[in-house]
Full PDB file with SEQRES, HELIX, SHEET, SSBOND, CRYST1, ORIGX, SCALE, CONECT and MASTER records, all heavy atoms in Angstrom:
SEQRES   1 A   31  LYS LEU LYS ASP ARG TYR ALA LEU LEU ASP SER GLY SER          
SEQRES   2 A   31  ALA LEU GLY PHE GLY CYS GLY PRO LEU LEU VAL ALA LYS          
SEQRES   3 A   31  GLU GLY CYS LYS SER                                          
CRYST1    1.000    1.000    1.000  90.00  90.00  90.00 P 1           1          
ORIGX1      1.000000  0.000000  0.000000        0.00000                         
ORIGX2      0.000000  1.000000  0.000000        0.00000                         
ORIGX3      0.000000  0.000000  1.000000        0.00000                         
SCALE1      1.000000  0.000000  0.000000        0.00000                         
SCALE2      0.000000  1.000000  0.000000        0.00000                         
SCALE3      0.000000  0.000000  1.000000        0.00000                         
ATOM      1  N   LYS A   1       1.483  -8.929  10.143  1.00  0.00           N  
ATOM      2  CA  LYS A   1       1.305  -9.056  11.593  1.00  0.00           C  
ATOM      3  C   LYS A   1       0.322 -10.165  11.963  1.00  0.00           C  
ATOM      4  O   LYS A   1       0.133 -10.463  13.137  1.00  0.00           O  
ATOM      5  CB  LYS A   1       0.790  -7.728  12.171  1.00  0.00           C  
ATOM      6  CG  LYS A   1       1.766  -6.548  12.052  1.00  0.00           C  
ATOM      7  CD  LYS A   1       1.105  -5.269  12.543  1.00  0.00           C  
ATOM      8  CE  LYS A   1       2.033  -4.064  12.445  1.00  0.00           C  
ATOM      9  NZ  LYS A   1       3.065  -4.070  13.491  1.00  0.00           N  
ATOM     10  N   LEU A   2      -0.315 -10.747  10.949  1.00  0.00           N  
ATOM     11  CA  LEU A   2      -1.395 -11.702  11.195  1.00  0.00           C  
ATOM     12  C   LEU A   2      -1.119 -13.090  10.617  1.00  0.00           C  
ATOM     13  O   LEU A   2      -2.044 -13.896  10.454  1.00  0.00           O  
ATOM     14  CB  LEU A   2      -2.705 -11.167  10.596  1.00  0.00           C  
ATOM     15  CG  LEU A   2      -3.348  -9.995  11.335  1.00  0.00           C  
ATOM     16  CD1 LEU A   2      -4.329  -9.261  10.437  1.00  0.00           C  
ATOM     17  CD2 LEU A   2      -4.045 -10.491  12.593  1.00  0.00           C  
ATOM     18  N   LYS A   3       0.120 -13.384  10.317  1.00  0.00           N  
ATOM     19  CA  LYS A   3       0.456 -14.656   9.681  1.00  0.00           C  
ATOM     20  C   LYS A   3       0.173 -15.856  10.580  1.00  0.00           C  
ATOM     21  O   LYS A   3       0.082 -16.982  10.097  1.00  0.00           O  
ATOM     22  CB  LYS A   3       1.922 -14.651   9.239  1.00  0.00           C  
ATOM     23  CG  LYS A   3       2.190 -13.669   8.107  1.00  0.00           C  
ATOM     24  CD  LYS A   3       3.678 -13.514   7.822  1.00  0.00           C  
ATOM     25  CE  LYS A   3       4.271 -14.761   7.231  1.00  0.00           C  
ATOM     26  NZ  LYS A   3       5.696 -14.571   6.856  1.00  0.00           N  
ATOM     27  N   ASP A   4       0.021 -15.621  11.880  1.00  0.00           N  
ATOM     28  CA  ASP A   4      -0.312 -16.710  12.797  1.00  0.00           C  
ATOM     29  C   ASP A   4      -1.816 -16.956  12.867  1.00  0.00           C  
ATOM     30  O   ASP A   4      -2.276 -17.870  13.563  1.00  0.00           O  
ATOM     31  CB  ASP A   4       0.226 -16.411  14.195  1.00  0.00           C  
ATOM     32  CG  ASP A   4      -0.373 -15.146  14.810  1.00  0.00           C  
ATOM     33  OD1 ASP A   4      -0.812 -14.256  14.040  1.00  0.00           O  
ATOM     34  OD2 ASP A   4      -0.405 -15.042  16.042  1.00  0.00           O  
ATOM     35  N   ARG A   5      -2.603 -16.147  12.136  1.00  0.00           N  
ATOM     36  CA  ARG A   5      -4.065 -16.274  12.189  1.00  0.00           C  
ATOM     37  C   ARG A   5      -4.698 -16.437  10.811  1.00  0.00           C  
ATOM     38  O   ARG A   5      -5.798 -16.980  10.690  1.00  0.00           O  
ATOM     39  CB  ARG A   5      -4.674 -15.043  12.869  1.00  0.00           C  
ATOM     40  CG  ARG A   5      -4.044 -14.747  14.220  1.00  0.00           C  
ATOM     41  CD  ARG A   5      -4.626 -13.525  14.870  1.00  0.00           C  
ATOM     42  NE  ARG A   5      -3.672 -12.940  15.817  1.00  0.00           N  
ATOM     43  CZ  ARG A   5      -3.943 -11.969  16.656  1.00  0.00           C  
ATOM     44  NH1 ARG A   5      -5.172 -11.462  16.692  1.00  0.00           N  
ATOM     45  NH2 ARG A   5      -3.031 -11.495  17.464  1.00  0.00           N  
ATOM     46  N   TYR A   6      -4.035 -15.938   9.783  1.00  0.00           N  
ATOM     47  CA  TYR A   6      -4.566 -15.992   8.414  1.00  0.00           C  
ATOM     48  C   TYR A   6      -3.495 -16.490   7.445  1.00  0.00           C  
ATOM     49  O   TYR A   6      -2.309 -16.210   7.629  1.00  0.00           O  
ATOM     50  CB  TYR A   6      -5.036 -14.609   7.963  1.00  0.00           C  
ATOM     51  CG  TYR A   6      -6.391 -14.221   8.501  1.00  0.00           C  
ATOM     52  CD1 TYR A   6      -6.519 -13.615   9.750  1.00  0.00           C  
ATOM     53  CD2 TYR A   6      -7.559 -14.473   7.777  1.00  0.00           C  
ATOM     54  CE1 TYR A   6      -7.761 -13.261  10.258  1.00  0.00           C  
ATOM     55  CE2 TYR A   6      -8.805 -14.127   8.278  1.00  0.00           C  
ATOM     56  CZ  TYR A   6      -8.899 -13.519   9.508  1.00  0.00           C  
ATOM     57  OH  TYR A   6     -10.130 -13.184  10.007  1.00  0.00           O  
ATOM     58  N   ALA A   7      -3.946 -17.204   6.412  1.00  0.00           N  
ATOM     59  CA  ALA A   7      -3.058 -17.664   5.348  1.00  0.00           C  
ATOM     60  C   ALA A   7      -3.319 -16.860   4.083  1.00  0.00           C  
ATOM     61  O   ALA A   7      -4.473 -16.554   3.741  1.00  0.00           O  
ATOM     62  CB  ALA A   7      -3.276 -19.150   5.079  1.00  0.00           C  
ATOM     63  N   LEU A   8      -2.277 -16.510   3.395  1.00  0.00           N  
ATOM     64  CA  LEU A   8      -2.353 -15.719   2.169  1.00  0.00           C  
ATOM     65  C   LEU A   8      -2.908 -16.559   1.021  1.00  0.00           C  
ATOM     66  O   LEU A   8      -2.470 -17.688   0.802  1.00  0.00           O  
ATOM     67  CB  LEU A   8      -0.949 -15.218   1.825  1.00  0.00           C  
ATOM     68  CG  LEU A   8      -0.764 -14.447   0.522  1.00  0.00           C  
ATOM     69  CD1 LEU A   8      -1.516 -13.123   0.573  1.00  0.00           C  
ATOM     70  CD2 LEU A   8       0.731 -14.217   0.278  1.00  0.00           C  
ATOM     71  N   LEU A   9      -3.872 -16.011   0.289  1.00  0.00           N  
ATOM     72  CA  LEU A   9      -4.370 -16.672  -0.917  1.00  0.00           C  
ATOM     73  C   LEU A   9      -3.530 -16.250  -2.119  1.00  0.00           C  
ATOM     74  O   LEU A   9      -3.032 -15.128  -2.185  1.00  0.00           O  
ATOM     75  CB  LEU A   9      -5.835 -16.317  -1.160  1.00  0.00           C  
ATOM     76  CG  LEU A   9      -6.852 -16.757  -0.106  1.00  0.00           C  
ATOM     77  CD1 LEU A   9      -8.268 -16.498  -0.605  1.00  0.00           C  
ATOM     78  CD2 LEU A   9      -6.688 -18.221   0.256  1.00  0.00           C  
ATOM     79  N   ASP A  10      -3.419 -17.132  -3.091  1.00  0.00           N  
ATOM     80  CA  ASP A  10      -2.612 -16.854  -4.275  1.00  0.00           C  
ATOM     81  C   ASP A  10      -3.313 -15.914  -5.242  1.00  0.00           C  
ATOM     82  O   ASP A  10      -2.670 -15.285  -6.086  1.00  0.00           O  
ATOM     83  CB  ASP A  10      -2.281 -18.173  -4.980  1.00  0.00           C  
ATOM     84  CG  ASP A  10      -1.345 -17.970  -6.165  1.00  0.00           C  
ATOM     85  OD1 ASP A  10      -0.251 -17.402  -5.962  1.00  0.00           O  
ATOM     86  OD2 ASP A  10      -1.715 -18.371  -7.286  1.00  0.00           O  
ATOM     87  N   SER A  11      -4.621 -15.776  -5.128  1.00  0.00           N  
ATOM     88  CA  SER A  11      -5.382 -14.914  -6.047  1.00  0.00           C  
ATOM     89  C   SER A  11      -6.061 -13.778  -5.281  1.00  0.00           C  
ATOM     90  O   SER A  11      -6.271 -13.860  -4.077  1.00  0.00           O  
ATOM     91  CB  SER A  11      -6.433 -15.737  -6.793  1.00  0.00           C  
ATOM     92  OG  SER A  11      -7.272 -16.417  -5.882  1.00  0.00           O  
ATOM     93  N   GLY A  12      -6.389 -12.707  -6.025  1.00  0.00           N  
ATOM     94  CA  GLY A  12      -7.129 -11.587  -5.453  1.00  0.00           C  
ATOM     95  C   GLY A  12      -6.289 -10.438  -4.947  1.00  0.00           C  
ATOM     96  O   GLY A  12      -6.826  -9.407  -4.545  1.00  0.00           O  
ATOM     97  N   SER A  13      -4.969 -10.584  -4.969  1.00  0.00           N  
ATOM     98  CA  SER A  13      -4.105  -9.545  -4.400  1.00  0.00           C  
ATOM     99  C   SER A  13      -3.979  -8.327  -5.307  1.00  0.00           C  
ATOM    100  O   SER A  13      -4.253  -8.378  -6.509  1.00  0.00           O  
ATOM    101  CB  SER A  13      -2.703 -10.108  -4.137  1.00  0.00           C  
ATOM    102  OG  SER A  13      -2.696 -10.976  -3.043  1.00  0.00           O  
ATOM    103  N   ALA A  14      -3.539  -7.229  -4.703  1.00  0.00           N  
ATOM    104  CA  ALA A  14      -3.225  -6.004  -5.441  1.00  0.00           C  
ATOM    105  C   ALA A  14      -1.730  -5.731  -5.297  1.00  0.00           C  
ATOM    106  O   ALA A  14      -1.264  -5.315  -4.247  1.00  0.00           O  
ATOM    107  CB  ALA A  14      -4.038  -4.830  -4.897  1.00  0.00           C  
ATOM    108  N   LEU A  15      -0.996  -6.041  -6.339  1.00  0.00           N  
ATOM    109  CA  LEU A  15       0.428  -5.729  -6.442  1.00  0.00           C  
ATOM    110  C   LEU A  15       0.641  -5.114  -7.812  1.00  0.00           C  
ATOM    111  O   LEU A  15      -0.154  -5.333  -8.726  1.00  0.00           O  
ATOM    112  CB  LEU A  15       1.310  -6.974  -6.356  1.00  0.00           C  
ATOM    113  CG  LEU A  15       1.443  -7.746  -5.051  1.00  0.00           C  
ATOM    114  CD1 LEU A  15       0.307  -8.717  -4.869  1.00  0.00           C  
ATOM    115  CD2 LEU A  15       2.774  -8.481  -5.005  1.00  0.00           C  
ATOM    116  N   GLY A  16       1.723  -4.379  -7.962  1.00  0.00           N  
ATOM    117  CA  GLY A  16       1.981  -3.874  -9.291  1.00  0.00           C  
ATOM    118  C   GLY A  16       3.054  -2.808  -9.333  1.00  0.00           C  
ATOM    119  O   GLY A  16       3.633  -2.430  -8.314  1.00  0.00           O  
ATOM    120  N   PHE A  17       3.311  -2.355 -10.524  1.00  0.00           N  
ATOM    121  CA  PHE A  17       4.249  -1.271 -10.764  1.00  0.00           C  
ATOM    122  C   PHE A  17       3.465  -0.002 -11.074  1.00  0.00           C  
ATOM    123  O   PHE A  17       2.433  -0.034 -11.736  1.00  0.00           O  
ATOM    124  CB  PHE A  17       5.165  -1.614 -11.940  1.00  0.00           C  
ATOM    125  CG  PHE A  17       6.062  -2.797 -11.696  1.00  0.00           C  
ATOM    126  CD1 PHE A  17       5.706  -4.065 -12.150  1.00  0.00           C  
ATOM    127  CD2 PHE A  17       7.256  -2.643 -11.000  1.00  0.00           C  
ATOM    128  CE1 PHE A  17       6.535  -5.158 -11.924  1.00  0.00           C  
ATOM    129  CE2 PHE A  17       8.093  -3.727 -10.770  1.00  0.00           C  
ATOM    130  CZ  PHE A  17       7.732  -4.985 -11.232  1.00  0.00           C  
ATOM    131  N   GLY A  18       3.937   1.122 -10.578  1.00  0.00           N  
ATOM    132  CA  GLY A  18       3.277   2.393 -10.864  1.00  0.00           C  
ATOM    133  C   GLY A  18       1.942   2.555 -10.182  1.00  0.00           C  
ATOM    134  O   GLY A  18       1.086   3.316 -10.657  1.00  0.00           O  
ATOM    135  N   CYS A  19       1.734   1.854  -9.054  1.00  0.00           N  
ATOM    136  CA  CYS A  19       0.414   1.915  -8.405  1.00  0.00           C  
ATOM    137  C   CYS A  19       0.520   2.145  -6.903  1.00  0.00           C  
ATOM    138  O   CYS A  19      -0.426   1.905  -6.170  1.00  0.00           O  
ATOM    139  CB  CYS A  19      -0.368   0.637  -8.682  1.00  0.00           C  
ATOM    140  SG  CYS A  19       0.389  -0.862  -8.012  1.00  0.00           S  
ATOM    141  N   GLY A  20       1.679   2.593  -6.436  1.00  0.00           N  
ATOM    142  CA  GLY A  20       1.878   2.755  -4.998  1.00  0.00           C  
ATOM    143  C   GLY A  20       1.202   3.995  -4.440  1.00  0.00           C  
ATOM    144  O   GLY A  20       0.723   4.854  -5.181  1.00  0.00           O  
ATOM    145  N   PRO A  21       1.164   4.099  -3.114  1.00  0.00           N  
ATOM    146  CA  PRO A  21       0.575   5.275  -2.460  1.00  0.00           C  
ATOM    147  C   PRO A  21       1.404   6.525  -2.727  1.00  0.00           C  
ATOM    148  O   PRO A  21       2.624   6.455  -2.957  1.00  0.00           O  
ATOM    149  CB  PRO A  21       0.596   4.902  -0.976  1.00  0.00           C  
ATOM    150  CG  PRO A  21       1.657   3.865  -0.860  1.00  0.00           C  
ATOM    151  CD  PRO A  21       1.660   3.110  -2.140  1.00  0.00           C  
ATOM    152  N   LEU A  22       0.747   7.658  -2.684  1.00  0.00           N  
ATOM    153  CA  LEU A  22       1.417   8.944  -2.894  1.00  0.00           C  
ATOM    154  C   LEU A  22       1.368   9.767  -1.614  1.00  0.00           C  
ATOM    155  O   LEU A  22       0.336   9.844  -0.957  1.00  0.00           O  
ATOM    156  CB  LEU A  22       0.732   9.743  -4.011  1.00  0.00           C  
ATOM    157  CG  LEU A  22       0.598   9.097  -5.393  1.00  0.00           C  
ATOM    158  CD1 LEU A  22      -0.123  10.071  -6.332  1.00  0.00           C  
ATOM    159  CD2 LEU A  22       1.945   8.705  -5.953  1.00  0.00           C  
ATOM    160  N   LEU A  23       2.477  10.371  -1.282  1.00  0.00           N  
ATOM    161  CA  LEU A  23       2.498  11.381  -0.227  1.00  0.00           C  
ATOM    162  C   LEU A  23       2.299  12.723  -0.904  1.00  0.00           C  
ATOM    163  O   LEU A  23       3.088  13.118  -1.770  1.00  0.00           O  
ATOM    164  CB  LEU A  23       3.825  11.351   0.529  1.00  0.00           C  
ATOM    165  CG  LEU A  23       3.985  12.385   1.657  1.00  0.00           C  
ATOM    166  CD1 LEU A  23       2.940  12.168   2.747  1.00  0.00           C  
ATOM    167  CD2 LEU A  23       5.390  12.324   2.243  1.00  0.00           C  
ATOM    168  N   VAL A  24       1.211  13.403  -0.566  1.00  0.00           N  
ATOM    169  CA  VAL A  24       0.903  14.700  -1.174  1.00  0.00           C  
ATOM    170  C   VAL A  24       0.783  15.751  -0.070  1.00  0.00           C  
ATOM    171  O   VAL A  24       0.592  15.422   1.107  1.00  0.00           O  
ATOM    172  CB  VAL A  24      -0.403  14.656  -2.001  1.00  0.00           C  
ATOM    173  CG1 VAL A  24      -0.302  13.610  -3.108  1.00  0.00           C  
ATOM    174  CG2 VAL A  24      -1.611  14.379  -1.116  1.00  0.00           C  
ATOM    175  N   ALA A  25       0.899  16.985  -0.459  1.00  0.00           N  
ATOM    176  CA  ALA A  25       0.779  18.089   0.500  1.00  0.00           C  
ATOM    177  C   ALA A  25       0.079  19.252  -0.174  1.00  0.00           C  
ATOM    178  O   ALA A  25       0.059  19.370  -1.404  1.00  0.00           O  
ATOM    179  CB  ALA A  25       2.161  18.515   1.001  1.00  0.00           C  
ATOM    180  N   LYS A  26      -0.491  20.115   0.643  1.00  0.00           N  
ATOM    181  CA  LYS A  26      -1.107  21.296   0.064  1.00  0.00           C  
ATOM    182  C   LYS A  26      -0.004  22.226  -0.443  1.00  0.00           C  
ATOM    183  O   LYS A  26       1.123  22.228   0.089  1.00  0.00           O  
ATOM    184  CB  LYS A  26      -2.007  21.997   1.067  1.00  0.00           C  
ATOM    185  CG  LYS A  26      -1.336  22.527   2.316  1.00  0.00           C  
ATOM    186  CD  LYS A  26      -2.389  23.122   3.250  1.00  0.00           C  
ATOM    187  CE  LYS A  26      -1.780  23.605   4.558  1.00  0.00           C  
ATOM    188  NZ  LYS A  26      -2.810  24.073   5.501  1.00  0.00           N  
ATOM    189  N   GLU A  27      -0.316  22.953  -1.461  1.00  0.00           N  
ATOM    190  CA  GLU A  27       0.666  23.861  -2.045  1.00  0.00           C  
ATOM    191  C   GLU A  27       1.176  24.826  -0.982  1.00  0.00           C  
ATOM    192  O   GLU A  27       0.404  25.403  -0.220  1.00  0.00           O  
ATOM    193  CB  GLU A  27       0.041  24.623  -3.213  1.00  0.00           C  
ATOM    194  CG  GLU A  27      -0.352  23.715  -4.380  1.00  0.00           C  
ATOM    195  CD  GLU A  27      -1.120  24.450  -5.462  1.00  0.00           C  
ATOM    196  OE1 GLU A  27      -1.428  25.646  -5.252  1.00  0.00           O  
ATOM    197  OE2 GLU A  27      -1.412  23.841  -6.496  1.00  0.00           O  
ATOM    198  N   GLY A  28       2.510  24.939  -0.903  1.00  0.00           N  
ATOM    199  CA  GLY A  28       3.101  25.841   0.076  1.00  0.00           C  
ATOM    200  C   GLY A  28       3.601  25.164   1.329  1.00  0.00           C  
ATOM    201  O   GLY A  28       4.247  25.798   2.165  1.00  0.00           O  
ATOM    202  N   CYS A  29       3.303  23.864   1.494  1.00  0.00           N  
ATOM    203  CA  CYS A  29       3.812  23.128   2.653  1.00  0.00           C  
ATOM    204  C   CYS A  29       5.326  22.981   2.507  1.00  0.00           C  
ATOM    205  O   CYS A  29       5.814  22.408   1.535  1.00  0.00           O  
ATOM    206  CB  CYS A  29       3.147  21.763   2.752  1.00  0.00           C  
ATOM    207  SG  CYS A  29       3.751  20.745   4.118  1.00  0.00           S  
ATOM    208  N   LYS A  30       6.084  23.496   3.480  1.00  0.00           N  
ATOM    209  CA  LYS A  30       7.538  23.569   3.339  1.00  0.00           C  
ATOM    210  C   LYS A  30       8.295  22.544   4.175  1.00  0.00           C  
ATOM    211  O   LYS A  30       9.460  22.270   3.899  1.00  0.00           O  
ATOM    212  CB  LYS A  30       8.013  24.976   3.707  1.00  0.00           C  
ATOM    213  CG  LYS A  30       7.482  26.051   2.761  1.00  0.00           C  
ATOM    214  CD  LYS A  30       7.951  27.441   3.173  1.00  0.00           C  
ATOM    215  CE  LYS A  30       7.414  28.499   2.221  1.00  0.00           C  
ATOM    216  NZ  LYS A  30       7.826  29.873   2.624  1.00  0.00           N  
ATOM    217  N   SER A  31       7.678  21.976   5.191  1.00  0.00           N  
ATOM    218  CA  SER A  31       8.403  21.077   6.078  1.00  0.00           C  
ATOM    219  C   SER A  31       7.558  19.869   6.451  1.00  0.00           C  
ATOM    220  O   SER A  31       6.525  20.010   7.115  1.00  0.00           O  
ATOM    221  CB  SER A  31       8.823  21.809   7.358  1.00  0.00           C  
ATOM    222  OG  SER A  31       9.350  20.913   8.305  1.00  0.00           O  
TER     223      SER A  31                                                      
MASTER        0    0    0    0    0    0    0    6  222    1    0    3          
END                                                                             
């Protein structure tokens, strides 16, 4: 959303496999 204000640097990023966010719920959450 900010490409008109900031340029992406080639270094320092966090990308990868097996490292994405998790959706978790308390035990018993049904819906």
